[in-house]
Structure formats: structure tokens, C-alpha cells
Amino acid sequence: MTFHRLSDTSSRISLQIEYDPKGFVEHVGALTNLDSVLANYDLGQFQKLAETAAAG
């Protein structure tokens, strides 16, 4: 994870995730792209939390 200061009030966070599915359920998640959908949802929730905390 890297943090990049854009200005006094904004930043960019870059995150690289590596994933090696193990077992049947994880392989099904990888094949159906469900793992990516869930990761993007979680990252969106983190973004909302971070932006709410920064505003308050």
C-alpha cells in the first residue's frame, strides 16, 4: 500500500492485492469473479469510512 499526497486536503492510496485461491470454494469464486466483486465492495466501504472520518 502506498499513500500519495495530492494536496493539503486530498490523498491517493494505491493498493496491490495478490491472491492465490486454495480449495474448491475459492477456485469457484475466482472463476466466477465473485472474489473480485467482494474485494471491490469491501474497498468501497473502506473508502466511505475513510472519507467520513476525514470530514468529521
N, C-alpha and C. Protein backbone atom coordinates (compact mmCIF):
# COMPACT_ATOMS: atom_id res chain seq x y z
N MET A 1 0.85 -1.15 0.00
CA MET A 1 0.00 0.00 0.00
C MET A 1 0.91 1.23 0.00
N THR A 2 0.57 2.18 -0.84
CA THR A 2 1.30 3.44 -0.88
C THR A 2 0.32 4.60 -0.77
N PHE A 3 0.79 5.67 -0.14
CA PHE A 3 0.00 6.88 0.04
C PHE A 3 0.66 8.00 -0.74
N HIS A 4 -0.14 8.75 -1.49
CA HIS A 4 0.37 9.85 -2.30
C HIS A 4 -0.39 11.12 -1.93
N ARG A 5 0.33 12.12 -1.45
CA ARG A 5 -0.29 13.40 -1.10
C ARG A 5 -0.57 14.16 -2.39
N LEU A 6 -1.82 14.52 -2.61
CA LEU A 6 -2.20 15.28 -3.80
C LEU A 6 -2.30 16.77 -3.49
N SER A 7 -2.76 17.07 -2.28
CA SER A 7 -2.87 18.46 -1.83
C SER A 7 -2.98 18.46 -0.31
N ASP A 8 -3.25 19.62 0.26
CA ASP A 8 -3.42 19.69 1.72
C ASP A 8 -4.65 18.93 2.19
N THR A 9 -5.60 18.72 1.31
CA THR A 9 -6.86 18.10 1.71
C THR A 9 -7.18 16.78 1.02
N SER A 10 -6.30 16.30 0.15
CA SER A 10 -6.61 15.03 -0.53
C SER A 10 -5.36 14.19 -0.73
N SER A 11 -5.60 12.89 -0.75
CA SER A 11 -4.54 11.90 -0.94
C SER A 11 -5.04 10.80 -1.86
N ARG A 12 -4.11 10.05 -2.39
CA ARG A 12 -4.43 8.86 -3.19
C ARG A 12 -3.77 7.69 -2.50
N ILE A 13 -4.52 6.60 -2.31
CA ILE A 13 -3.98 5.38 -1.74
C ILE A 13 -3.99 4.32 -2.83
N SER A 14 -2.84 3.72 -3.08
CA SER A 14 -2.74 2.64 -4.06
C SER A 14 -2.53 1.33 -3.31
N LEU A 15 -3.30 0.32 -3.69
CA LEU A 15 -3.24 -0.97 -3.02
C LEU A 15 -3.09 -2.06 -4.08
N GLN A 16 -2.14 -2.93 -3.87
CA GLN A 16 -1.96 -4.08 -4.77
C GLN A 16 -2.24 -5.33 -3.97
N ILE A 17 -3.14 -6.17 -4.48
CA ILE A 17 -3.53 -7.39 -3.79
C ILE A 17 -3.16 -8.58 -4.68
N GLU A 18 -2.47 -9.54 -4.08
CA GLU A 18 -2.18 -10.81 -4.76
C GLU A 18 -3.00 -11.88 -4.07
N TYR A 19 -3.55 -12.78 -4.86
CA TYR A 19 -4.47 -13.78 -4.32
C TYR A 19 -4.18 -15.11 -4.99
N ASP A 20 -4.00 -16.15 -4.18
CA ASP A 20 -3.76 -17.50 -4.67
C ASP A 20 -4.86 -18.39 -4.11
N PRO A 21 -5.92 -18.64 -4.91
CA PRO A 21 -7.05 -19.41 -4.40
C PRO A 21 -6.64 -20.83 -4.01
N LYS A 22 -7.14 -21.28 -2.88
CA LYS A 22 -6.90 -22.63 -2.37
C LYS A 22 -8.26 -23.29 -2.15
N GLY A 23 -8.36 -24.52 -2.52
CA GLY A 23 -9.58 -25.27 -2.28
C GLY A 23 -10.66 -24.99 -3.32
N PHE A 24 -11.70 -25.81 -3.29
CA PHE A 24 -12.77 -25.78 -4.28
C PHE A 24 -13.54 -24.46 -4.25
N VAL A 25 -13.96 -24.03 -3.06
CA VAL A 25 -14.79 -22.83 -2.95
C VAL A 25 -14.04 -21.60 -3.45
N GLU A 26 -12.78 -21.46 -3.09
CA GLU A 26 -12.01 -20.30 -3.55
C GLU A 26 -11.77 -20.34 -5.05
N HIS A 27 -11.58 -21.53 -5.61
CA HIS A 27 -11.41 -21.63 -7.07
C HIS A 27 -12.70 -21.25 -7.80
N VAL A 28 -13.84 -21.64 -7.24
CA VAL A 28 -15.13 -21.26 -7.84
C VAL A 28 -15.29 -19.75 -7.77
N GLY A 29 -14.93 -19.15 -6.65
CA GLY A 29 -15.00 -17.69 -6.51
C GLY A 29 -14.13 -16.99 -7.52
N ALA A 30 -12.93 -17.53 -7.76
CA ALA A 30 -12.02 -16.93 -8.74
C ALA A 30 -12.56 -17.10 -10.16
N LEU A 31 -13.11 -18.25 -10.47
CA LEU A 31 -13.64 -18.49 -11.82
C LEU A 31 -14.87 -17.64 -12.13
N THR A 32 -15.70 -17.38 -11.13
CA THR A 32 -16.92 -16.61 -11.35
C THR A 32 -16.72 -15.11 -11.10
N ASN A 33 -15.51 -14.72 -10.72
CA ASN A 33 -15.15 -13.33 -10.46
C ASN A 33 -15.82 -12.80 -9.19
N LEU A 34 -16.40 -13.68 -8.40
CA LEU A 34 -17.05 -13.27 -7.15
C LEU A 34 -16.03 -12.70 -6.17
N ASP A 35 -14.82 -13.25 -6.16
CA ASP A 35 -13.79 -12.73 -5.26
C ASP A 35 -13.47 -11.28 -5.56
N SER A 36 -13.41 -10.92 -6.83
CA SER A 36 -13.13 -9.54 -7.23
C SER A 36 -14.28 -8.62 -6.85
N VAL A 37 -15.51 -9.07 -7.05
CA VAL A 37 -16.69 -8.28 -6.70
C VAL A 37 -16.71 -7.98 -5.20
N LEU A 38 -16.44 -9.00 -4.39
CA LEU A 38 -16.45 -8.82 -2.94
C LEU A 38 -15.31 -7.92 -2.48
N ALA A 39 -14.13 -8.06 -3.08
CA ALA A 39 -13.00 -7.20 -2.73
C ALA A 39 -13.31 -5.75 -3.07
N ASN A 40 -13.89 -5.50 -4.24
CA ASN A 40 -14.25 -4.13 -4.64
C ASN A 40 -15.31 -3.54 -3.71
N TYR A 41 -16.25 -4.36 -3.28
CA TYR A 41 -17.27 -3.88 -2.34
C TYR A 41 -16.61 -3.47 -1.02
N ASP A 42 -15.74 -4.34 -0.50
CA ASP A 42 -15.06 -4.03 0.76
C ASP A 42 -14.21 -2.77 0.64
N LEU A 43 -13.52 -2.60 -0.48
CA LEU A 43 -12.71 -1.40 -0.68
C LEU A 43 -13.59 -0.15 -0.77
N GLY A 44 -14.76 -0.28 -1.36
CA GLY A 44 -15.70 0.84 -1.42
C GLY A 44 -16.19 1.23 -0.03
N GLN A 45 -16.44 0.22 0.82
CA GLN A 45 -16.85 0.50 2.19
C GLN A 45 -15.73 1.18 2.96
N PHE A 46 -14.49 0.74 2.74
CA PHE A 46 -13.33 1.38 3.37
C PHE A 46 -13.22 2.84 2.92
N GLN A 47 -13.43 3.09 1.64
CA GLN A 47 -13.35 4.46 1.12
C GLN A 47 -14.40 5.34 1.81
N LYS A 48 -15.63 4.86 1.93
CA LYS A 48 -16.67 5.64 2.60
C LYS A 48 -16.29 5.93 4.05
N LEU A 49 -15.76 4.94 4.74
CA LEU A 49 -15.35 5.12 6.13
C LEU A 49 -14.23 6.15 6.25
N ALA A 50 -13.24 6.04 5.37
CA ALA A 50 -12.11 6.97 5.41
C ALA A 50 -12.55 8.39 5.10
N GLU A 51 -13.42 8.55 4.11
CA GLU A 51 -13.88 9.88 3.75
C GLU A 51 -14.77 10.49 4.82
N THR A 52 -15.58 9.67 5.47
CA THR A 52 -16.44 10.14 6.55
C THR A 52 -15.59 10.57 7.75
N ALA A 53 -14.60 9.77 8.08
CA ALA A 53 -13.71 10.10 9.21
C ALA A 53 -12.92 11.38 8.94
N ALA A 54 -12.48 11.56 7.70
CA ALA A 54 -11.70 12.75 7.35
C ALA A 54 -12.57 14.01 7.38
N ALA A 55 -13.84 13.86 7.04
CA ALA A 55 -14.73 15.02 7.01
C ALA A 55 -15.17 15.44 8.41
N GLY A 56 -15.16 14.50 9.34
CA GLY A 56 -15.70 14.80 10.68
C GLY A 56 -14.65 15.13 11.62
